[in-house]
């Protein structure tokens, strides 16, 4: 069992290695830290820590660096998470409270988190499980293209262009009014079903079939195919809110940490771009009953096995919780990263609750 004194030595090694990226020797520990023991005792403690697998020698020098297990022990023994400064808290509050909608909140949050931690940051959109259609807008962009914009009760905005050759302004307005009446205030899943039913009925009408009850109040048959296209786009936009989306910022910070990876950073960057590994990780962490989760080294699967991940949850009344966090090398300032993730998650929760 590691003694409290040896844990203090481990803590000092972690702090020095994170700060300098150089292996830490007993002489440096004596000079930089008030451990109140002799250099010989520190060397004995370092030997014991190495035997326990908490530190290791990267090459034949007197210096040692933490192992994944050493970082895990350090994180688990953090007595308190380093608080953010008053300036940092003010910066978070000022930046996030100026956001205009959900997309803006997500974008600002992930950029801010990357700036605070100097790590790659990510944020997962909330999955809208009970949000409803707040409003729908359709605008003709040209003689052949229209823009469909959907806004939910949670403030999320999404849009799509639709090919509508031959439409008139009056037809666009009529289609918009019809689709609004069909969906306004409905939960997204029900609205998607209504839109899809209307799209199918309009497509049949365009082929010469009899207009059905769902099309009551719809534009005339001459515009049925264009209505079908717009209704199908609306259904897809509703469906898009049932699939979680991830936004990232600051991957350049990872690219500047190549020396912290044993071989190449390319698999890490590819995994972040494809997001499959991230979605799996988020799903696993979502099942954990904690507001903050830290995964270190081989605790992560595949391409992320040389990284550290710090994730926090934020809550939205009309949706499942989302997550945000940072990804970096295992040589990470864990206390500061955990503090930043927790603080930003709390501010995101507060802002989204206020907009509910």
Protein backbone atom coordinates (compact mmCIF):
# COMPACT_ATOMS: atom_id res chain seq x y z
CA UNK A 1 0.00 0.00 0.00
CA UNK A 2 1.43 3.37 -1.02
CA UNK A 3 2.06 5.62 2.00
CA UNK A 4 0.96 9.24 2.20
CA UNK A 5 4.59 10.32 1.88
CA UNK A 6 5.05 8.33 -1.30
CA UNK A 7 1.80 9.75 -2.66
CA UNK A 8 3.24 13.23 -2.02
CA UNK A 9 6.32 12.23 -4.02
CA UNK A 10 4.09 10.90 -6.82
CA UNK A 11 2.09 14.14 -6.80
CA UNK A 12 5.29 16.15 -7.10
CA UNK A 13 6.52 14.00 -10.00
CA UNK A 14 3.22 14.39 -11.85
CA UNK A 15 3.15 18.16 -11.34
CA UNK A 16 6.76 18.61 -12.45
CA UNK A 17 6.44 16.34 -15.48
CA UNK A 18 3.22 18.02 -16.63
CA UNK A 19 4.93 21.39 -16.27
CA UNK A 20 8.30 20.61 -17.87
CA UNK A 21 7.71 17.46 -19.99
CA UNK A 22 11.10 16.28 -18.68
CA UNK A 23 11.71 13.16 -16.54
CA UNK A 24 11.90 14.10 -12.87
CA UNK A 25 14.81 13.12 -10.63
CA UNK A 26 15.21 13.06 -6.86
CA UNK A 27 17.45 16.14 -6.91
CA UNK A 28 14.76 18.19 -8.65
CA UNK A 29 12.15 17.03 -6.16
CA UNK A 30 14.33 18.16 -3.24
CA UNK A 31 14.93 21.56 -4.84
CA UNK A 32 11.36 22.29 -5.96
CA UNK A 33 9.19 20.76 -3.26
CA UNK A 34 9.07 20.91 0.52
CA UNK A 35 8.84 17.18 1.15
CA UNK A 36 10.77 17.39 4.46
CA UNK A 37 12.72 14.20 3.84
CA UNK A 38 16.26 13.47 2.72
CA UNK A 39 17.25 12.84 -0.91
CA UNK A 40 18.00 9.23 0.01
CA UNK A 41 14.45 8.77 1.33
CA UNK A 42 13.02 10.27 -1.86
CA UNK A 43 15.11 7.87 -3.95
CA UNK A 44 13.77 4.97 -1.89
CA UNK A 45 10.20 6.24 -2.33
CA UNK A 46 10.74 6.59 -6.08
CA UNK A 47 12.02 3.02 -6.23
CA UNK A 48 8.92 1.83 -4.38
CA UNK A 49 6.62 3.82 -6.69
CA UNK A 50 8.36 2.31 -9.70
CA UNK A 51 7.93 -1.18 -8.27
CA UNK A 52 4.21 -0.49 -7.88
CA UNK A 53 4.01 0.56 -11.52
CA UNK A 54 3.16 4.19 -10.78
CA UNK A 55 6.28 5.73 -12.34
CA UNK A 56 8.79 4.51 -14.88
CA UNK A 57 12.14 5.44 -16.42
CA UNK A 58 11.71 6.38 -20.09
CA UNK A 59 15.41 5.76 -20.69
CA UNK A 60 18.57 5.09 -18.71
CA UNK A 61 18.56 8.28 -16.66
CA UNK A 62 17.81 9.10 -13.07
CA UNK A 63 14.55 10.77 -14.05
CA UNK A 64 11.12 9.16 -13.84
CA UNK A 65 7.75 9.91 -15.43
CA UNK A 66 4.24 8.87 -14.35
CA UNK A 67 2.58 5.83 -15.89
CA UNK A 68 -1.13 5.66 -16.76
CA UNK A 69 -1.62 3.99 -13.39
CA UNK A 70 0.32 6.78 -11.71
CA UNK A 71 -1.86 9.43 -13.31
CA UNK A 72 -4.96 7.50 -12.26
CA UNK A 73 -3.76 7.35 -8.65
CA UNK A 74 -2.99 11.07 -8.75
CA UNK A 75 -6.45 11.94 -10.12
CA UNK A 76 -8.24 9.67 -7.67
CA UNK A 77 -6.38 11.28 -4.75
CA UNK A 78 -7.02 14.89 -5.76
CA UNK A 79 -8.40 16.36 -2.56
CA UNK A 80 -9.89 19.34 -4.40
CA UNK A 81 -10.24 20.53 -7.96
CA UNK A 82 -8.33 23.70 -8.66
CA UNK A 83 -10.85 26.57 -8.72
CA UNK A 84 -11.05 28.89 -11.69
CA UNK A 85 -9.87 32.44 -11.18
CA UNK A 86 -12.38 35.27 -10.95
CA UNK A 87 -11.25 36.44 -14.40
CA UNK A 88 -11.84 32.99 -15.89
CA UNK A 89 -15.31 32.75 -14.35
CA UNK A 90 -16.20 36.20 -15.65
CA UNK A 91 -14.96 35.28 -19.13
CA UNK A 92 -17.14 32.17 -19.17
CA UNK A 93 -20.20 34.06 -17.99
CA UNK A 94 -19.70 36.96 -20.41
CA UNK A 95 -19.09 34.80 -23.45
CA UNK A 96 -21.84 32.24 -22.92
CA UNK A 97 -24.57 34.63 -21.80
CA UNK A 98 -24.27 36.44 -25.11
CA UNK A 99 -25.21 33.34 -27.13
CA UNK A 100 -28.29 33.69 -29.34
CA UNK A 101 -29.41 30.08 -29.83
CA UNK A 102 -28.40 26.48 -29.16
CA UNK A 103 -25.88 26.34 -32.00
CA UNK A 104 -24.26 29.51 -30.69
CA UNK A 105 -24.13 28.14 -27.13
CA UNK A 106 -22.50 24.92 -28.36
CA UNK A 107 -19.96 26.72 -30.54
CA UNK A 108 -18.99 29.28 -27.92
CA UNK A 109 -18.72 26.63 -25.19
CA UNK A 110 -16.38 24.33 -27.07
CA UNK A 111 -14.12 27.17 -28.19
CA UNK A 112 -13.99 28.57 -24.67
CA UNK A 113 -13.16 25.17 -23.16
CA UNK A 114 -10.29 24.70 -25.60
CA UNK A 115 -8.93 28.16 -24.77
CA UNK A 116 -9.12 27.56 -21.01
CA UNK A 117 -7.40 24.16 -21.09
CA UNK A 118 -5.17 24.37 -24.18
CA UNK A 119 -6.55 20.98 -25.18
CA UNK A 120 -8.81 19.71 -27.92
CA UNK A 121 -12.38 20.25 -26.71
CA UNK A 122 -15.68 18.66 -27.66
CA UNK A 123 -19.32 19.21 -26.89
CA UNK A 124 -22.21 16.86 -27.57
CA UNK A 125 -25.53 18.38 -28.52
CA UNK A 126 -28.43 17.35 -26.28
CA UNK A 127 -30.70 14.74 -27.82
CA UNK A 128 -34.11 16.39 -28.04
CA UNK A 129 -36.41 13.73 -26.65
CA UNK A 130 -39.39 15.96 -25.82
CA UNK A 131 -38.67 19.20 -27.69
CA UNK A 132 -41.34 20.35 -30.10
CA UNK A 133 -41.59 22.33 -33.31
CA UNK A 134 -41.57 26.01 -32.41
CA UNK A 135 -41.68 27.48 -35.89
CA UNK A 136 -41.03 26.63 -39.50
CA UNK A 137 -39.89 28.96 -42.26
CA UNK A 138 -39.58 28.35 -46.00
CA UNK A 139 -37.96 30.94 -48.24
CA UNK A 140 -37.42 30.87 -51.97
CA UNK A 141 -33.72 31.41 -52.70
CA UNK A 142 -34.01 31.30 -56.47
CA UNK A 143 -36.41 30.08 -59.16
CA UNK A 144 -35.36 26.49 -58.46
CA UNK A 145 -34.28 26.33 -54.80
CA UNK A 146 -36.03 26.95 -51.48
CA UNK A 147 -34.60 27.03 -47.96
CA UNK A 148 -36.43 25.18 -45.17
CA UNK A 149 -35.60 26.33 -41.60
CA UNK A 150 -36.86 24.51 -38.50
CA UNK A 151 -36.62 25.89 -34.94
CA UNK A 152 -37.39 23.76 -31.90
CA UNK A 153 -38.74 24.74 -28.49
CA UNK A 154 -35.23 24.10 -27.08
CA UNK A 155 -33.82 26.83 -29.33
CA UNK A 156 -32.08 24.50 -31.78
CA UNK A 157 -32.04 25.65 -35.40
CA UNK A 158 -31.44 23.52 -38.48
CA UNK A 159 -31.98 24.08 -42.17
CA UNK A 160 -31.84 22.46 -45.59
CA UNK A 161 -32.15 23.56 -49.20
CA UNK A 162 -34.75 21.87 -51.40
CA UNK A 163 -34.88 21.64 -55.19
CA UNK A 164 -38.23 23.23 -56.18
CA UNK A 165 -38.08 24.17 -59.88
CA UNK A 166 -40.98 26.28 -61.14
CA UNK A 167 -42.25 27.42 -57.72
CA UNK A 168 -43.93 30.77 -57.23
CA UNK A 169 -43.74 33.00 -54.16
CA UNK A 170 -47.41 32.38 -53.48
CA UNK A 171 -46.85 28.62 -53.63
CA UNK A 172 -43.92 28.82 -51.20
CA UNK A 173 -46.04 30.83 -48.78
CA UNK A 174 -48.96 28.39 -49.08
CA UNK A 175 -46.68 25.39 -48.55
CA UNK A 176 -45.11 27.03 -45.51
CA UNK A 177 -48.48 27.83 -43.96
CA UNK A 178 -49.72 24.29 -44.61
CA UNK A 179 -46.65 22.63 -43.08
CA UNK A 180 -46.70 25.02 -40.12
CA UNK A 181 -50.33 24.17 -39.38
CA UNK A 182 -49.46 20.48 -39.69
CA UNK A 183 -46.64 20.59 -37.11
CA UNK A 184 -46.75 23.64 -34.83
CA UNK A 185 -46.29 22.68 -31.19
CA UNK A 186 -45.97 18.95 -31.91
CA UNK A 187 -43.17 16.84 -30.41
CA UNK A 188 -40.44 16.33 -32.99
CA UNK A 189 -41.08 12.61 -33.43
CA UNK A 190 -44.80 13.17 -34.09
CA UNK A 191 -44.08 16.13 -36.37
CA UNK A 192 -41.66 14.00 -38.40
CA UNK A 193 -44.36 11.36 -38.86
CA UNK A 194 -46.88 14.00 -39.98
CA UNK A 195 -44.40 15.51 -42.43
CA UNK A 196 -43.56 12.10 -43.86
CA UNK A 197 -47.25 11.22 -44.27
CA UNK A 198 -47.85 14.51 -46.08
CA UNK A 199 -44.81 13.96 -48.32
CA UNK A 200 -46.06 10.53 -49.36
CA UNK A 201 -49.59 11.80 -49.99
CA UNK A 202 -48.31 14.77 -52.01
CA UNK A 203 -46.08 12.50 -54.10
CA UNK A 204 -49.09 10.29 -54.90
CA UNK A 205 -51.14 13.38 -55.82
CA UNK A 206 -48.35 14.55 -58.12
CA UNK A 207 -48.61 11.22 -59.96
CA UNK A 208 -52.32 11.81 -60.55
CA UNK A 209 -53.77 10.18 -57.46
CA UNK A 210 -56.68 11.63 -55.51
CA UNK A 211 -55.70 14.16 -52.80
CA UNK A 212 -56.03 12.60 -49.33
CA UNK A 213 -57.32 13.99 -46.05
CA UNK A 214 -53.85 14.89 -44.84
CA UNK A 215 -53.54 17.30 -47.76
CA UNK A 216 -56.58 19.33 -46.80
CA UNK A 217 -55.47 22.96 -47.01
CA UNK A 218 -52.41 22.11 -49.10
CA UNK A 219 -51.44 23.94 -52.33
CA UNK A 220 -53.02 22.72 -55.58
CA UNK A 221 -51.99 19.58 -57.38
CA UNK A 222 -49.63 21.46 -59.70
CA UNK A 223 -47.29 22.03 -56.75
CA UNK A 224 -47.70 18.61 -55.16
CA UNK A 225 -44.24 17.34 -56.07
CA UNK A 226 -42.59 20.46 -54.69
CA UNK A 227 -44.68 20.16 -51.52
CA UNK A 228 -43.58 16.52 -51.25
CA UNK A 229 -39.95 17.60 -51.40
CA UNK A 230 -40.43 20.29 -48.75
CA UNK A 231 -42.39 17.99 -46.43
CA UNK A 232 -39.73 15.27 -46.75
CA UNK A 233 -37.04 17.83 -45.90
CA UNK A 234 -39.01 18.88 -42.80
CA UNK A 235 -39.24 15.24 -41.69
CA UNK A 236 -35.48 14.80 -42.10
CA UNK A 237 -34.81 17.97 -40.11
CA UNK A 238 -36.98 16.68 -37.24
CA UNK A 239 -35.16 13.35 -37.34
CA UNK A 240 -31.80 15.10 -37.19
CA UNK A 241 -32.52 16.22 -33.63
CA UNK A 242 -32.86 12.61 -32.45
CA UNK A 243 -29.24 11.90 -33.34
CA UNK A 244 -26.59 13.42 -31.14
CA UNK A 245 -24.05 15.68 -32.82
CA UNK A 246 -20.53 16.49 -31.68
CA UNK A 247 -18.69 19.75 -32.26
CA UNK A 248 -14.93 20.02 -31.70
CA UNK A 249 -12.45 22.85 -31.32
CA UNK A 250 -8.71 23.13 -30.73
CA UNK A 251 -7.41 19.95 -32.36
CA UNK A 252 -4.32 22.03 -33.20
CA UNK A 253 -3.40 21.73 -29.51
CA UNK A 254 -3.10 17.98 -30.01
CA UNK A 255 -0.97 18.46 -33.10
CA UNK A 256 1.46 20.48 -30.97
CA UNK A 257 1.75 17.57 -28.50
CA UNK A 258 3.19 14.97 -30.88
CA UNK A 259 6.17 14.33 -28.58
CA UNK A 260 3.75 13.00 -25.94
CA UNK A 261 2.71 10.11 -28.19
CA UNK A 262 4.82 6.99 -28.59
CA UNK A 263 4.66 6.73 -32.37
CA UNK A 264 2.31 8.98 -34.32
CA UNK A 265 -0.66 11.16 -33.49
CA UNK A 266 -2.37 10.41 -36.82
CA UNK A 267 -4.72 7.64 -35.50
CA UNK A 268 -5.91 9.99 -32.73
CA UNK A 269 -6.71 12.77 -35.19
CA UNK A 270 -8.46 10.32 -37.52
CA UNK A 271 -10.57 8.96 -34.65
CA UNK A 272 -11.62 12.48 -33.67
CA UNK A 273 -12.57 13.29 -37.25
CA UNK A 274 -14.63 10.12 -37.74
CA UNK A 275 -16.25 10.51 -34.26
CA UNK A 276 -17.29 6.84 -34.03
CA UNK A 277 -14.90 6.24 -31.13
CA UNK A 278 -16.08 9.46 -29.47
CA UNK A 279 -19.74 8.47 -29.71
CA UNK A 280 -18.94 5.10 -28.11
CA UNK A 281 -16.98 6.79 -25.34
CA UNK A 282 -19.77 9.28 -24.68
CA UNK A 283 -22.32 6.47 -24.53
CA UNK A 284 -20.21 4.61 -21.97
CA UNK A 285 -19.66 7.67 -19.82
CA UNK A 286 -23.35 8.64 -20.02
CA UNK A 287 -24.08 5.44 -18.10
CA UNK A 288 -21.81 6.55 -15.24
CA UNK A 289 -23.55 8.13 -12.26
CA UNK A 290 -21.16 11.06 -11.94
CA UNK A 291 -20.99 14.66 -13.09
CA UNK A 292 -17.31 14.36 -14.05
CA UNK A 293 -15.45 11.42 -15.55
CA UNK A 294 -11.74 11.04 -16.32
CA UNK A 295 -10.40 8.30 -18.59
CA UNK A 296 -6.63 7.87 -18.77
CA UNK A 297 -4.54 6.01 -21.34
CA UNK A 298 -5.58 2.40 -21.83
CA UNK A 299 -8.86 3.07 -20.05
CA UNK A 300 -9.80 4.42 -23.48
CA UNK A 301 -10.21 2.08 -26.44
CA UNK A 302 -8.34 1.88 -29.69
CA UNK A 303 -6.86 5.06 -31.10
CA UNK A 304 -7.46 7.01 -27.88
CA UNK A 305 -5.39 4.62 -25.74
CA UNK A 306 -2.58 7.19 -25.45
CA UNK A 307 -4.86 10.08 -24.52
CA UNK A 308 -6.59 11.42 -21.45
CA UNK A 309 -10.26 12.40 -21.63
CA UNK A 310 -12.06 14.62 -19.11
CA UNK A 311 -15.83 14.79 -19.61
CA UNK A 312 -18.64 16.50 -17.74
CA UNK A 313 -22.43 16.37 -18.11
CA UNK A 314 -24.82 19.24 -18.55
CA UNK A 315 -28.58 18.97 -18.23
CA UNK A 316 -31.42 20.29 -20.38
CA UNK A 317 -35.04 19.93 -19.18
CA UNK A 318 -36.42 19.12 -22.64
CA UNK A 319 -33.67 16.71 -23.65
CA UNK A 320 -31.35 14.01 -22.48
CA UNK A 321 -28.15 15.27 -20.89
CA UNK A 322 -25.34 16.26 -23.20
CA UNK A 323 -21.63 16.08 -22.47
CA UNK A 324 -18.61 18.28 -22.97
CA UNK A 325 -14.95 17.84 -22.24
CA UNK A 326 -11.35 17.84 -23.38
CA UNK A 327 -8.99 15.33 -24.97
CA UNK A 328 -5.23 15.55 -24.73
CA UNK A 329 -2.09 13.61 -23.95
CA UNK A 330 -1.90 11.81 -20.62
CA UNK A 331 0.60 14.53 -19.61
CA UNK A 332 -2.30 16.83 -18.80
CA UNK A 333 -2.96 19.38 -16.07
CA UNK A 334 -5.80 17.29 -14.67
CA UNK A 335 -6.82 19.62 -11.83
CA UNK A 336 -7.19 22.64 -14.13
CA UNK A 337 -8.87 20.65 -16.91
CA UNK A 338 -11.38 19.10 -14.51
CA UNK A 339 -12.16 22.52 -13.03
CA UNK A 340 -12.71 24.08 -16.47
CA UNK A 341 -14.91 21.23 -17.70
CA UNK A 342 -17.06 21.32 -14.57
CA UNK A 343 -17.43 25.12 -14.66
CA UNK A 344 -18.35 25.32 -18.36
CA UNK A 345 -20.82 22.43 -17.95
CA UNK A 346 -22.55 24.29 -15.12
CA UNK A 347 -22.79 27.51 -17.12
CA UNK A 348 -24.17 25.65 -20.17
CA UNK A 349 -26.79 24.01 -17.95
CA UNK A 350 -27.75 27.36 -16.43
CA UNK A 351 -28.08 29.09 -19.81
CA UNK A 352 -30.09 26.32 -21.44
CA UNK A 353 -32.41 26.11 -18.42
CA UNK A 354 -32.98 29.87 -18.63
CA UNK A 355 -33.93 29.54 -22.32
CA UNK A 356 -36.28 26.63 -21.73
